[in-house]
Amino acid sequence: MWQEDEHFMARALQLATYGRSTVSPNPMVGCVIVLEGKIIGEGWHQKAGEPHAEVLAVQSVMDKALLKLATVYVTLEPCAHFGKTPPCADLLVNHKVKRVVVGSTDPNPLVAGKGIAKLKAANIDVSVGVLEKACLALNKVFFTSISKSRPFIVLKWAQTADGYIARKNFDAKWISSVLSRQLVHKWRSELDVILVGKNTVMYDNPQLNTREWSGRHPVRLVIDHYLQLSESLKVFDQSVPTLIFNLKKEDEKQNLKWIKLEEEGFINQLIDFIHRLKIQSVLIEGGGNTLKQFIDSGLWDEARVFTCKSFFEEGVEAPELKEEALVSHEIIEGDLLQVYQHINR
């Protein structure tokens, strides 16, 4: 039974990933409905505010009478509260499903065991913790937002083989390969916002979008303490909502918004501000000083570092991580991609 449960939960996990770029601030959830070893229905949460995975899976079952004999596999505990959609736990109870297998419980205080309790109260057989580690990893962004009251923070940079992220003149273009840069655009489509400092905007003039990947553009965040950046730069083109965090003014026009913060505790204020906007994930792409501030503050969860074959011999030194653990590495078109986790997050 346990081996069969893992097999169908793995399929539910695969389905859940299809919502990676579209469900925030909700978690990714997949659902599979099985009868006598065969899948008779499946679904995944496709977009925030739209039907949950369990709803779509139930809808896909042609003969609803079969649900009374079926097992429902769902990667996250069914919700038990009314939000933009009705409780999924109630849906499964109303259809009198035979069994529900849950990957991980939901830490959201509005759920937090209440969905499982509803199912058990209706005499539905419930199993919890199948492929739990994978289910928890799938929604690490959502869980961090709930448990830490802040977004999940990803650091990213590319460095030369001799440890520089830019030349002395701050030129950082084309350190990594074409395929590595395309992967970064994929990451941008999967995370809510992208953050950079003044120097990155001034010297690189980046667009900070997903032009090399099919997907949504992230909201752009720029740190410009003293408003030194020219509005002729690409990040001010108003094509994407852009927030400029500074020490001087509050203002707003079309897709641009200036947010004034205090100098003391600037980074923490910034993170608190975007958390209140229900932003759950941040990709910090530079520059070196901005990355260092987050590292020194202990405000990071994951670092994705490309080490490339080129040598600069001198320039802007790459940041140095603290309290990190290497969790994966791979070669991408000659670049070494190493992913680190903050061990005390």
C-alpha atoms as a PDB file:
ATOM      1  CA  MET A   1       0.000   0.000   0.000  1.00  0.00           C
ATOM      2  CA  TRP A   2       2.743   2.464   0.968  1.00  0.00           C
ATOM      3  CA  GLN A   3       4.587   1.906  -2.331  1.00  0.00           C
ATOM      4  CA  GLU A   4       1.369   2.514  -4.258  1.00  0.00           C
ATOM      5  CA  ASP A   5       0.709   5.645  -2.192  1.00  0.00           C
ATOM      6  CA  GLU A   6       4.155   7.018  -3.056  1.00  0.00           C
ATOM      7  CA  HIS A   7       3.593   6.289  -6.744  1.00  0.00           C
ATOM      8  CA  PHE A   8       0.395   8.319  -6.936  1.00  0.00           C
ATOM      9  CA  MET A   9       1.693  11.059  -4.640  1.00  0.00           C
ATOM     10  CA  ALA A  10       4.645  11.464  -7.019  1.00  0.00           C
ATOM     11  CA  ARG A  11       2.165  12.117  -9.816  1.00  0.00           C
ATOM     12  CA  ALA A  12       0.341  14.668  -7.634  1.00  0.00           C
ATOM     13  CA  LEU A  13       3.661  16.409  -6.994  1.00  0.00           C
ATOM     14  CA  GLN A  14       4.361  16.540 -10.720  1.00  0.00           C
ATOM     15  CA  LEU A  15       0.962  18.132 -11.337  1.00  0.00           C
ATOM     16  CA  ALA A  16       1.508  20.667  -8.560  1.00  0.00           C
ATOM     17  CA  THR A  17       4.647  22.039 -10.243  1.00  0.00           C
ATOM     18  CA  TYR A  18       2.590  23.163 -13.251  1.00  0.00           C
ATOM     19  CA  GLY A  19       1.348  26.064 -11.136  1.00  0.00           C
ATOM     20  CA  ARG A  20       4.805  27.267 -10.113  1.00  0.00           C
ATOM     21  CA  SER A  21       4.617  30.579 -11.974  1.00  0.00           C
ATOM     22  CA  THR A  22       0.934  31.351 -11.470  1.00  0.00           C
ATOM     23  CA  VAL A  23      -0.410  30.463  -8.011  1.00  0.00           C
ATOM     24  CA  SER A  24       1.463  32.849  -5.688  1.00  0.00           C
ATOM     25  CA  PRO A  25       0.618  33.843  -2.986  1.00  0.00           C
ATOM     26  CA  ASN A  26      -1.106  30.450  -2.722  1.00  0.00           C
ATOM     27  CA  PRO A  27       0.840  27.180  -2.430  1.00  0.00           C
ATOM     28  CA  MET A  28       1.320  24.770  -5.311  1.00  0.00           C
ATOM     29  CA  VAL A  29      -0.992  21.769  -4.927  1.00  0.00           C
ATOM     30  CA  GLY A  30      -1.604  18.672  -7.018  1.00  0.00           C
ATOM     31  CA  CYS A  31      -4.359  16.085  -6.630  1.00  0.00           C
ATOM     32  CA  VAL A  32      -4.876  12.601  -8.048  1.00  0.00           C
ATOM     33  CA  ILE A  33      -7.972  10.423  -7.601  1.00  0.00           C
ATOM     34  CA  VAL A  34      -7.455   6.669  -7.844  1.00  0.00           C
ATOM     35  CA  LEU A  35      -9.792   3.680  -8.024  1.00  0.00           C
ATOM     36  CA  GLU A  36      -8.485   0.122  -8.018  1.00  0.00           C
ATOM     37  CA  GLY A  37      -4.982   1.220  -8.971  1.00  0.00           C
ATOM     38  CA  LYS A  38      -6.046   3.452 -11.856  1.00  0.00           C
ATOM     39  CA  ILE A  39      -6.223   7.231 -12.034  1.00  0.00           C
ATOM     40  CA  ILE A  40      -9.795   8.389 -12.667  1.00  0.00           C
ATOM     41  CA  GLY A  41      -9.264  12.096 -12.060  1.00  0.00           C
ATOM     42  CA  GLU A  42      -6.537  14.647 -11.477  1.00  0.00           C
ATOM     43  CA  GLY A  43      -5.983  18.377 -11.192  1.00  0.00           C
ATOM     44  CA  TRP A  44      -3.685  21.089  -9.911  1.00  0.00           C
ATOM     45  CA  HIS A  45      -4.111  24.590  -8.567  1.00  0.00           C
ATOM     46  CA  GLN A  46      -3.622  26.692 -11.676  1.00  0.00           C
ATOM     47  CA  LYS A  47      -3.989  30.302 -10.545  1.00  0.00           C
ATOM     48  CA  ALA A  48      -4.540  32.209  -7.307  1.00  0.00           C
ATOM     49  CA  GLY A  49      -8.249  32.886  -6.799  1.00  0.00           C
ATOM     50  CA  GLU A  50      -9.308  30.037  -9.067  1.00  0.00           C
ATOM     51  CA  PRO A  51     -10.449  26.491  -8.118  1.00  0.00           C
ATOM     52  CA  HIS A  52      -8.085  24.415  -6.004  1.00  0.00           C
ATOM     53  CA  ALA A  53      -6.518  21.148  -7.086  1.00  0.00           C
ATOM     54  CA  GLU A  54      -9.112  18.977  -5.335  1.00  0.00           C
ATOM     55  CA  VAL A  55     -11.984  20.793  -7.053  1.00  0.00           C
ATOM     56  CA  LEU A  56     -10.502  20.329 -10.518  1.00  0.00           C
ATOM     57  CA  ALA A  57      -9.657  16.703  -9.818  1.00  0.00           C
ATOM     58  CA  VAL A  58     -13.225  15.940  -8.665  1.00  0.00           C
ATOM     59  CA  GLN A  59     -14.634  17.769 -11.686  1.00  0.00           C
ATOM     60  CA  SER A  60     -12.505  15.606 -13.992  1.00  0.00           C
ATOM     61  CA  VAL A  61     -14.077  12.367 -12.713  1.00  0.00           C
ATOM     62  CA  MET A  62     -16.712  11.369 -15.252  1.00  0.00           C
ATOM     63  CA  ASP A  63     -18.843   9.246 -12.887  1.00  0.00           C
ATOM     64  CA  LYS A  64     -19.047  11.027  -9.522  1.00  0.00           C
ATOM     65  CA  ALA A  65     -20.549   7.911  -7.911  1.00  0.00           C
ATOM     66  CA  LEU A  66     -17.094   6.325  -8.123  1.00  0.00           C
ATOM     67  CA  LEU A  67     -15.730   8.849  -5.618  1.00  0.00           C
ATOM     68  CA  LYS A  68     -17.249   6.876  -2.733  1.00  0.00           C
ATOM     69  CA  LEU A  69     -14.874   4.038  -3.584  1.00  0.00           C
ATOM     70  CA  ALA A  70     -11.835   6.146  -4.477  1.00  0.00           C
ATOM     71  CA  THR A  71      -8.633   7.335  -2.806  1.00  0.00           C
ATOM     72  CA  VAL A  72      -7.692  10.999  -3.136  1.00  0.00           C
ATOM     73  CA  TYR A  73      -3.986  11.899  -3.138  1.00  0.00           C
ATOM     74  CA  VAL A  74      -3.229  15.551  -2.416  1.00  0.00           C
ATOM     75  CA  THR A  75       0.177  17.120  -1.818  1.00  0.00           C
ATOM     76  CA  LEU A  76      -1.069  19.578   0.829  1.00  0.00           C
ATOM     77  CA  GLU A  77      -3.762  19.263   3.471  1.00  0.00           C
ATOM     78  CA  PRO A  78      -7.176  20.224   2.026  1.00  0.00           C
ATOM     79  CA  CYS A  79      -8.259  23.684   3.158  1.00  0.00           C
ATOM     80  CA  ALA A  80     -10.976  23.978   5.798  1.00  0.00           C
ATOM     81  CA  HIS A  81     -11.946  27.643   5.461  1.00  0.00           C
ATOM     82  CA  PHE A  82     -13.818  29.903   3.090  1.00  0.00           C
ATOM     83  CA  GLY A  83     -11.458  32.150   1.124  1.00  0.00           C
ATOM     84  CA  LYS A  84     -11.893  33.010  -2.525  1.00  0.00           C
ATOM     85  CA  THR A  85     -13.117  29.419  -2.918  1.00  0.00           C
ATOM     86  CA  PRO A  86     -15.084  27.051  -0.606  1.00  0.00           C
ATOM     87  CA  PRO A  87     -13.281  24.555   1.669  1.00  0.00           C
ATOM     88  CA  CYS A  88     -11.843  21.569  -0.194  1.00  0.00           C
ATOM     89  CA  ALA A  89     -12.220  19.380   2.893  1.00  0.00           C
ATOM     90  CA  ASP A  90     -15.988  19.945   2.729  1.00  0.00           C
ATOM     91  CA  LEU A  91     -15.991  18.975  -0.950  1.00  0.00           C
ATOM     92  CA  LEU A  92     -14.348  15.622  -0.204  1.00  0.00           C
ATOM     93  CA  VAL A  93     -16.678  15.028   2.741  1.00  0.00           C
ATOM     94  CA  ASN A  94     -19.755  15.813   0.628  1.00  0.00           C
ATOM     95  CA  HIS A  95     -18.662  13.288  -1.996  1.00  0.00           C
ATOM     96  CA  LYS A  96     -17.986  10.718   0.768  1.00  0.00           C
ATOM     97  CA  VAL A  97     -14.607   9.673  -0.651  1.00  0.00           C
ATOM     98  CA  LYS A  98     -13.257   6.461   0.815  1.00  0.00           C
ATOM     99  CA  ARG A  99      -9.718   7.576   1.662  1.00  0.00           C
ATOM    100  CA  VAL A 100      -7.516  10.687   1.524  1.00  0.00           C
ATOM    101  CA  VAL A 101      -3.704  10.585   1.417  1.00  0.00           C
ATOM    102  CA  VAL A 102      -2.026  13.876   2.349  1.00  0.00           C
ATOM    103  CA  GLY A 103       1.581  14.764   1.566  1.00  0.00           C
ATOM    104  CA  SER A 104       2.062  17.454   4.196  1.00  0.00           C
ATOM    105  CA  THR A 105      -0.049  19.413   6.625  1.00  0.00           C
ATOM    106  CA  ASP A 106      -0.743  23.106   5.962  1.00  0.00           C
ATOM    107  CA  PRO A 107       0.920  25.527   8.442  1.00  0.00           C
ATOM    108  CA  ASN A 108      -1.521  28.294   7.563  1.00  0.00           C
ATOM    109  CA  PRO A 109      -3.351  29.033  10.860  1.00  0.00           C
ATOM    110  CA  LEU A 110      -6.631  28.998   8.918  1.00  0.00           C
ATOM    111  CA  VAL A 111      -5.997  25.321   8.120  1.00  0.00           C
ATOM    112  CA  ALA A 112      -3.278  23.783  10.362  1.00  0.00           C
ATOM    113  CA  GLY A 113      -4.881  20.379  10.886  1.00  0.00           C
ATOM    114  CA  LYS A 114      -8.489  21.526  10.586  1.00  0.00           C
ATOM    115  CA  GLY A 115      -8.866  20.026   7.110  1.00  0.00           C
ATOM    116  CA  ILE A 116      -7.617  16.630   8.278  1.00  0.00           C
ATOM    117  CA  ALA A 117      -9.864  16.833  11.348  1.00  0.00           C
ATOM    118  CA  LYS A 118     -12.919  17.450   9.140  1.00  0.00           C
ATOM    119  CA  LEU A 119     -12.111  14.409   7.020  1.00  0.00           C
ATOM    120  CA  LYS A 120     -11.618  12.153  10.038  1.00  0.00           C
ATOM    121  CA  ALA A 121     -14.820  13.436  11.662  1.00  0.00           C
ATOM    122  CA  ALA A 122     -16.651  12.244   8.546  1.00  0.00           C
ATOM    123  CA  ASN A 123     -15.138   8.756   9.025  1.00  0.00           C
ATOM    124  CA  ILE A 124     -12.865   9.121   5.995  1.00  0.00           C
ATOM    125  CA  ASP A 125      -9.651   7.105   6.234  1.00  0.00           C
ATOM    126  CA  VAL A 126      -6.772   9.615   6.258  1.00  0.00           C
ATOM    127  CA  SER A 127      -3.025   8.986   5.853  1.00  0.00           C
ATOM    128  CA  VAL A 128      -0.551  11.849   6.312  1.00  0.00           C
ATOM    129  CA  GLY A 129       3.127  12.198   5.420  1.00  0.00           C
ATOM    130  CA  VAL A 130       3.495  10.314   2.146  1.00  0.00           C
ATOM    131  CA  LEU A 131       6.518  11.816   0.329  1.00  0.00           C
ATOM    132  CA  GLU A 132       6.355  14.502   2.996  1.00  0.00           C
ATOM    133  CA  LYS A 133       9.909  15.764   2.450  1.00  0.00           C
ATOM    134  CA  ALA A 134       9.254  16.383  -1.239  1.00  0.00           C
ATOM    135  CA  CYS A 135       5.894  18.006  -0.511  1.00  0.00           C
ATOM    136  CA  LEU A 136       7.479  20.354   2.028  1.00  0.00           C
ATOM    137  CA  ALA A 137      10.299  21.235  -0.382  1.00  0.00           C
ATOM    138  CA  LEU A 138       7.786  21.984  -3.144  1.00  0.00           C
ATOM    139  CA  ASN A 139       6.197  24.770  -1.095  1.00  0.00           C
ATOM    140  CA  LYS A 140       9.246  26.085   0.774  1.00  0.00           C
ATOM    141  CA  VAL A 141       8.363  29.590  -0.416  1.00  0.00           C
ATOM    142  CA  PHE A 142       4.820  29.432   0.977  1.00  0.00           C
ATOM    143  CA  PHE A 143       5.928  27.809   4.235  1.00  0.00           C
ATOM    144  CA  THR A 144       8.644  30.433   4.784  1.00  0.00           C
ATOM    145  CA  SER A 145       6.130  33.232   4.319  1.00  0.00           C
ATOM    146  CA  ILE A 146       3.864  31.669   6.947  1.00  0.00           C
ATOM    147  CA  SER A 147       6.515  30.676   9.486  1.00  0.00           C
ATOM    148  CA  LYS A 148       8.961  33.591   9.137  1.00  0.00           C
ATOM    149  CA  SER A 149       6.507  36.395   8.271  1.00  0.00           C
ATOM    150  CA  ARG A 150       8.743  37.380   5.383  1.00  0.00           C
ATOM    151  CA  PRO A 151       9.310  36.327   1.780  1.00  0.00           C
ATOM    152  CA  PHE A 152      11.587  33.488   0.717  1.00  0.00           C
ATOM    153  CA  ILE A 153      14.839  35.173  -0.324  1.00  0.00           C
ATOM    154  CA  VAL A 154      17.010  33.813  -3.144  1.00  0.00           C
ATOM    155  CA  LEU A 155      20.455  35.266  -3.854  1.00  0.00           C
ATOM    156  CA  LYS A 156      21.902  34.863  -7.326  1.00  0.00           C
ATOM    157  CA  TRP A 157      25.157  35.863  -8.919  1.00  0.00           C
ATOM    158  CA  ALA A 158      27.665  34.784 -11.536  1.00  0.00           C
ATOM    159  CA  GLN A 159      31.366  34.914 -10.738  1.00  0.00           C
ATOM    160  CA  THR A 160      34.559  34.342 -12.672  1.00  0.00           C
ATOM    161  CA  ALA A 161      36.870  31.442 -11.958  1.00  0.00           C
ATOM    162  CA  ASP A 162      39.044  33.840  -9.943  1.00  0.00           C
ATOM    163  CA  GLY A 163      36.139  35.133  -7.846  1.00  0.00           C
ATOM    164  CA  TYR A 164      34.932  38.409  -9.382  1.00  0.00           C
ATOM    165  CA  ILE A 165      31.373  39.422 -10.268  1.00  0.00           C
ATOM    166  CA  ALA A 166      32.341  42.491 -12.329  1.00  0.00           C
ATOM    167  CA  ARG A 167      35.335  44.323 -13.733  1.00  0.00           C
ATOM    168  CA  LYS A 168      36.819  47.377 -11.999  1.00  0.00           C
ATOM    169  CA  ASN A 169      34.486  49.602 -14.053  1.00  0.00           C
ATOM    170  CA  PHE A 170      31.519  47.512 -12.715  1.00  0.00           C
ATOM    171  CA  ASP A 171      30.917  45.906 -16.118  1.00  0.00           C
ATOM    172  CA  ALA A 172      29.391  42.490 -15.334  1.00  0.00           C
ATOM    173  CA  LYS A 173      27.902  41.487 -18.669  1.00  0.00           C
ATOM    174  CA  TRP A 174      28.343  38.053 -20.181  1.00  0.00           C
ATOM    175  CA  ILE A 175      30.200  36.314 -17.390  1.00  0.00           C
ATOM    176  CA  SER A 176      27.892  33.298 -17.661  1.00  0.00           C
ATOM    177  CA  SER A 177      26.813  31.287 -20.697  1.00  0.00           C
ATOM    178  CA  VAL A 178      23.704  31.801 -22.823  1.00  0.00           C
ATOM    179  CA  LEU A 179      22.025  28.731 -21.328  1.00  0.00           C
ATOM    180  CA  SER A 180      22.780  29.883 -17.780  1.00  0.00           C
ATOM    181  CA  ARG A 181      21.243  33.283 -18.513  1.00  0.00           C
ATOM    182  CA  GLN A 182      18.157  31.605 -19.927  1.00  0.00           C
ATOM    183  CA  LEU A 183      17.822  29.584 -16.723  1.00  0.00           C
ATOM    184  CA  VAL A 184      17.930  32.825 -14.722  1.00  0.00           C
ATOM    185  CA  HIS A 185      15.033  34.144 -16.791  1.00  0.00           C
ATOM    186  CA  LYS A 186      13.119  30.966 -15.931  1.00  0.00           C
ATOM    187  CA  TRP A 187      13.783  31.657 -12.238  1.00  0.00           C
ATOM    188  CA  ARG A 188      12.509  35.199 -12.676  1.00  0.00           C
ATOM    189  CA  SER A 189       9.232  33.842 -14.036  1.00  0.00           C
ATOM    190  CA  GLU A 190       8.854  31.598 -10.966  1.00  0.00           C
ATOM    191  CA  LEU A 191       9.533  34.186  -8.256  1.00  0.00           C
ATOM    192  CA  ASP A 192       7.384  37.181  -7.352  1.00  0.00           C
ATOM    193  CA  VAL A 193       9.899  40.018  -7.488  1.00  0.00           C
ATOM    194  CA  ILE A 194      13.471  40.754  -8.540  1.00  0.00           C
ATOM    195  CA  LEU A 195      15.631  43.140  -6.521  1.00  0.00           C
ATOM    196  CA  VAL A 196      18.809  45.006  -7.492  1.00  0.00           C
ATOM    197  CA  GLY A 197      20.855  47.879  -6.156  1.00  0.00           C
ATOM    198  CA  LYS A 198      21.662  51.244  -7.706  1.00  0.00           C
ATOM    199  CA  ASN A 199      25.011  50.284  -9.223  1.00  0.00           C
ATOM    200  CA  THR A 200      23.579  47.288 -11.075  1.00  0.00           C
ATOM    201  CA  VAL A 201      20.969  49.525 -12.690  1.00  0.00           C
ATOM    202  CA  MET A 202      23.430  52.333 -13.396  1.00  0.00           C
ATOM    203  CA  TYR A 203      26.190  50.242 -14.981  1.00  0.00           C
ATOM    204  CA  ASP A 204      24.289  47.332 -16.553  1.00  0.00           C
ATOM    205  CA  ASN A 205      21.029  49.107 -17.454  1.00  0.00           C
ATOM    206  CA  PRO A 206      19.138  45.781 -17.171  1.00  0.00           C
ATOM    207  CA  GLN A 207      15.527  45.153 -18.201  1.00  0.00           C
ATOM    208  CA  LEU A 208      14.986  42.621 -15.378  1.00  0.00           C
ATOM    209  CA  ASN A 209      12.307  40.732 -17.285  1.00  0.00           C
ATOM    210  CA  THR A 210      11.788  37.230 -18.705  1.00  0.00           C
ATOM    211  CA  ARG A 211      12.415  37.985 -22.370  1.00  0.00           C
ATOM    212  CA  GLU A 212      14.433  34.750 -22.762  1.00  0.00           C
ATOM    213  CA  TRP A 213      11.746  32.564 -21.166  1.00  0.00           C
ATOM    214  CA  SER A 214       7.995  32.226 -21.615  1.00  0.00           C
ATOM    215  CA  GLY A 215       6.426  33.396 -18.376  1.00  0.00           C
ATOM    216  CA  ARG A 216       5.323  36.347 -16.296  1.00  0.00           C
ATOM    217  CA  HIS A 217       7.659  39.254 -15.627  1.00  0.00           C
ATOM    218  CA  PRO A 218       8.521  39.742 -11.948  1.00  0.00           C
ATOM    219  CA  VAL A 219       7.793  43.002 -10.166  1.00  0.00           C
ATOM    220  CA  ARG A 220      11.026  45.023 -10.119  1.00  0.00           C
ATOM    221  CA  LEU A 221      12.497  46.378  -6.884  1.00  0.00           C
ATOM    222  CA  VAL A 222      15.326  48.903  -6.983  1.00  0.00           C
ATOM    223  CA  ILE A 223      17.355  50.266  -4.059  1.00  0.00           C
ATOM    224  CA  ASP A 224      18.385  53.853  -4.801  1.00  0.00           C
ATOM    225  CA  HIS A 225      18.937  55.594  -1.473  1.00  0.00           C
ATOM    226  CA  TYR A 226      19.532  59.103  -2.820  1.00  0.00           C
ATOM    227  CA  LEU A 227      17.607  58.885  -6.118  1.00  0.00           C
ATOM    228  CA  GLN A 228      20.710  59.049  -8.278  1.00  0.00           C
ATOM    229  CA  LEU A 229      19.355  56.960 -11.146  1.00  0.00           C
ATOM    230  CA  SER A 230      18.191  58.545 -14.388  1.00  0.00           C
ATOM    231  CA  GLU A 231      14.606  57.772 -15.335  1.00  0.00           C
ATOM    232  CA  SER A 232      15.824  57.143 -18.881  1.00  0.00           C
ATOM    233  CA  LEU A 233      17.141  53.760 -17.718  1.00  0.00           C
ATOM    234  CA  LYS A 234      15.221  50.621 -18.736  1.00  0.00           C
ATOM    235  CA  VAL A 235      13.841  49.798 -15.279  1.00  0.00           C
ATOM    236  CA  PHE A 236      11.834  53.029 -15.443  1.00  0.00           C
ATOM    237  CA  ASP A 237      10.115  52.136 -18.732  1.00  0.00           C
ATOM    238  CA  GLN A 238       6.842  51.428 -16.856  1.00  0.00           C
ATOM    239  CA  SER A 239       6.377  48.111 -18.687  1.00  0.00           C
ATOM    240  CA  VAL A 240       6.382  46.277 -15.330  1.00  0.00           C
ATOM    241  CA  PRO A 241       5.371  47.473 -11.839  1.00  0.00           C
ATOM    242  CA  THR A 242       8.549  48.868 -10.294  1.00  0.00           C
ATOM    243  CA  LEU A 243       9.184  49.975  -6.692  1.00  0.00           C
ATOM    244  CA  ILE A 244      12.104  52.293  -5.913  1.00  0.00           C
ATOM    245  CA  PHE A 245      13.158  52.142  -2.264  1.00  0.00           C
ATOM    246  CA  ASN A 246      14.905  55.288  -1.110  1.00  0.00           C
ATOM    247  CA  LEU A 247      15.540  57.750   1.744  1.00  0.00           C
ATOM    248  CA  LYS A 248      14.087  60.878   0.154  1.00  0.00           C
ATOM    249  CA  LYS A 249      10.536  60.702  -1.228  1.00  0.00           C
ATOM    250  CA  GLU A 250       7.182  58.995  -1.602  1.00  0.00           C
ATOM    251  CA  ASP A 251       5.658  59.266  -5.065  1.00  0.00           C
ATOM    252  CA  GLU A 252       3.735  57.289  -7.645  1.00  0.00           C
ATOM    253  CA  LYS A 253       3.055  57.475 -11.360  1.00  0.00           C
ATOM    254  CA  GLN A 254       1.641  54.747 -13.549  1.00  0.00           C
ATOM    255  CA  ASN A 255       3.759  51.617 -12.951  1.00  0.00           C
ATOM    256  CA  LEU A 256       6.405  53.389 -10.845  1.00  0.00           C
ATOM    257  CA  LYS A 257       6.253  53.851  -7.098  1.00  0.00           C
ATOM    258  CA  TRP A 258       8.850  55.453  -4.809  1.00  0.00           C
ATOM    259  CA  ILE A 259       8.886  54.112  -1.253  1.00  0.00           C
ATOM    260  CA  LYS A 260      10.643  56.168   1.421  1.00  0.00           C
ATOM    261  CA  LEU A 261      12.292  54.205   4.240  1.00  0.00           C
ATOM    262  CA  GLU A 262      14.454  55.139   7.208  1.00  0.00           C
ATOM    263  CA  GLU A 263      18.216  54.697   6.907  1.00  0.00           C
ATOM    264  CA  GLU A 264      18.509  52.605  10.067  1.00  0.00           C
ATOM    265  CA  GLY A 265      17.245  49.090   9.452  1.00  0.00           C
ATOM    266  CA  PHE A 266      16.656  49.872   5.749  1.00  0.00           C
ATOM    267  CA  ILE A 267      16.828  46.257   4.538  1.00  0.00           C
ATOM    268  CA  ASN A 268      14.515  44.961   7.264  1.00  0.00           C
ATOM    269  CA  GLN A 269      12.005  47.730   6.519  1.00  0.00           C
ATOM    270  CA  LEU A 270      12.101  46.820   2.823  1.00  0.00           C
ATOM    271  CA  ILE A 271      11.428  43.144   3.552  1.00  0.00           C
ATOM    272  CA  ASP A 272       8.610  44.016   5.977  1.00  0.00           C
ATOM    273  CA  PHE A 273       7.042  46.307   3.378  1.00  0.00           C
ATOM    274  CA  ILE A 274       6.945  43.733   0.599  1.00  0.00           C
ATOM    275  CA  HIS A 275       5.737  41.027   3.000  1.00  0.00           C
ATOM    276  CA  ARG A 276       2.729  43.227   3.762  1.00  0.00           C
ATOM    277  CA  LEU A 277       2.058  43.295   0.014  1.00  0.00           C
ATOM    278  CA  LYS A 278       1.795  39.455   0.188  1.00  0.00           C
ATOM    279  CA  ILE A 279       4.947  39.086  -1.882  1.00  0.00           C
ATOM    280  CA  GLN A 280       6.261  35.626  -1.027  1.00  0.00           C
ATOM    281  CA  SER A 281       9.543  35.350  -2.908  1.00  0.00           C
ATOM    282  CA  VAL A 282      12.425  37.640  -3.863  1.00  0.00           C
ATOM    283  CA  LEU A 283      15.258  37.044  -6.324  1.00  0.00           C
ATOM    284  CA  ILE A 284      18.216  39.299  -5.508  1.00  0.00           C
ATOM    285  CA  GLU A 285      20.485  39.654  -8.521  1.00  0.00           C
ATOM    286  CA  GLY A 286      22.986  42.224  -7.323  1.00  0.00           C
ATOM    287  CA  GLY A 287      25.150  43.998  -7.090  1.00  0.00           C
ATOM    288  CA  GLY A 288      27.837  42.932  -4.705  1.00  0.00           C
ATOM    289  CA  ASN A 289      27.016  45.450  -1.976  1.00  0.00           C
ATOM    290  CA  THR A 290      23.304  44.629  -2.029  1.00  0.00           C
ATOM    291  CA  LEU A 291      23.989  40.893  -1.837  1.00  0.00           C
ATOM    292  CA  LYS A 292      26.444  41.467   1.019  1.00  0.00           C
ATOM    293  CA  GLN A 293      23.861  43.428   3.023  1.00  0.00           C
ATOM    294  CA  PHE A 294      21.404  40.538   2.878  1.00  0.00           C
ATOM    295  CA  ILE A 295      24.105  37.994   3.706  1.00  0.00           C
ATOM    296  CA  ASP A 296      25.354  40.044   6.655  1.00  0.00           C
ATOM    297  CA  SER A 297      21.780  40.459   7.919  1.00  0.00           C
ATOM    298  CA  GLY A 298      21.168  36.713   7.687  1.00  0.00           C
ATOM    299  CA  LEU A 299      18.239  37.503   5.394  1.00  0.00           C
ATOM    300  CA  TRP A 300      18.518  34.800   2.780  1.00  0.00           C
ATOM    301  CA  ASP A 301      17.235  31.263   2.301  1.00  0.00           C
ATOM    302  CA  GLU A 302      18.908  30.035  -0.862  1.00  0.00           C
ATOM    303  CA  ALA A 303      21.881  31.135  -2.977  1.00  0.00           C
ATOM    304  CA  ARG A 304      22.339  30.142  -6.622  1.00  0.00           C
ATOM    305  CA  VAL A 305      25.908  30.800  -7.715  1.00  0.00           C
ATOM    306  CA  PHE A 306      27.346  30.362 -11.204  1.00  0.00           C
ATOM    307  CA  THR A 307      31.127  29.981 -11.417  1.00  0.00           C
ATOM    308  CA  CYS A 308      32.333  30.480 -14.963  1.00  0.00           C
ATOM    309  CA  LYS A 309      35.554  29.775 -16.831  1.00  0.00           C
ATOM    310  CA  SER A 310      36.542  33.388 -17.473  1.00  0.00           C
ATOM    311  CA  PHE A 311      39.202  35.291 -15.494  1.00  0.00           C
ATOM    312  CA  PHE A 312      39.173  39.023 -14.692  1.00  0.00           C
ATOM    313  CA  GLU A 313      42.335  39.096 -12.522  1.00  0.00           C
ATOM    314  CA  GLU A 314      40.919  42.155 -10.742  1.00  0.00           C
ATOM    315  CA  GLY A 315      37.546  43.775 -10.210  1.00  0.00           C
ATOM    316  CA  VAL A 316      34.541  43.593  -7.847  1.00  0.00           C
ATOM    317  CA  GLU A 317      34.914  40.590  -5.578  1.00  0.00           C
ATOM    318  CA  ALA A 318      32.105  38.040  -5.327  1.00  0.00           C
ATOM    319  CA  PRO A 319      30.098  37.949  -2.068  1.00  0.00           C
ATOM    320  CA  GLU A 320      31.084  35.433   0.580  1.00  0.00           C
ATOM    321  CA  LEU A 321      28.287  33.345   2.045  1.00  0.00           C
ATOM    322  CA  LYS A 322      27.920  32.659   5.754  1.00  0.00           C
ATOM    323  CA  GLU A 323      26.224  29.679   7.399  1.00  0.00           C
ATOM    324  CA  GLU A 324      25.709  27.947   4.082  1.00  0.00           C
ATOM    325  CA  ALA A 325      25.264  24.315   3.106  1.00  0.00           C
ATOM    326  CA  LEU A 326      25.738  23.099  -0.455  1.00  0.00           C
ATOM    327  CA  VAL A 327      22.595  21.243  -1.553  1.00  0.00           C
ATOM    328  CA  SER A 328      23.217  20.696  -5.276  1.00  0.00           C
ATOM    329  CA  HIS A 329      25.599  21.359  -8.146  1.00  0.00           C
ATOM    330  CA  GLU A 330      25.567  20.862 -11.892  1.00  0.00           C
ATOM    331  CA  ILE A 331      27.392  21.937 -15.030  1.00  0.00           C
ATOM    332  CA  ILE A 332      25.440  24.157 -17.431  1.00  0.00           C
ATOM    333  CA  GLU A 333      27.182  24.834 -20.751  1.00  0.00           C
ATOM    334  CA  GLY A 334      30.544  24.984 -19.005  1.00  0.00           C
ATOM    335  CA  ASP A 335      29.328  26.967 -15.982  1.00  0.00           C
ATOM    336  CA  LEU A 336      29.252  25.382 -12.522  1.00  0.00           C
ATOM    337  CA  LEU A 337      25.934  26.093 -10.807  1.00  0.00           C
ATOM    338  CA  GLN A 338      26.022  25.567  -7.042  1.00  0.00           C
ATOM    339  CA  VAL A 339      22.918  25.943  -4.886  1.00  0.00           C
ATOM    340  CA  TYR A 340      23.331  26.676  -1.184  1.00  0.00           C
ATOM    341  CA  GLN A 341      20.855  26.712   1.681  1.00  0.00           C
ATOM    342  CA  HIS A 342      21.118  28.995   4.680  1.00  0.00           C
ATOM    343  CA  ILE A 343      21.477  26.496   7.512  1.00  0.00           C
ATOM    344  CA  ASN A 344      20.083  28.780  10.228  1.00  0.00           C
ATOM    345  CA  ARG A 345      17.107  30.158   8.364  1.00  0.00           C
END
